[in-house]
Amino acid sequence: MRLIALIMLVLPALLATYGIKLMRDAFFGELTPIFFHIVIQFIVGLGLFGGGLYFIGGFILHRDRKRKLTKGEKNNRYSSS
């Protein structure tokens, strides 16, 4: 079960990393052969980066809410009361 969870976190991280690479290549003018325009390559890279970041952030937020570590709740271990 932990292996599946690890794969679920590694795959979006790899996609986000590839998205950063696509944006960097588009910024410096290196066109990847599967794209026919630099702007499309940049937009796809931005989407991959945003999607990976969104998934990992959502996973961390869900885990913290499950363990009651987020701010704004009364029974928070970081609250002063």
Foldseek 3Di string as FASTA:
>chain_A
DVVVVVCVLVVLVVQLVVLVVQLVCLVVVNDDVVDDDSVVSNVSSVVSNVVSVVVVVVVVVVVCVVVQQDPDDPPHPPDPD
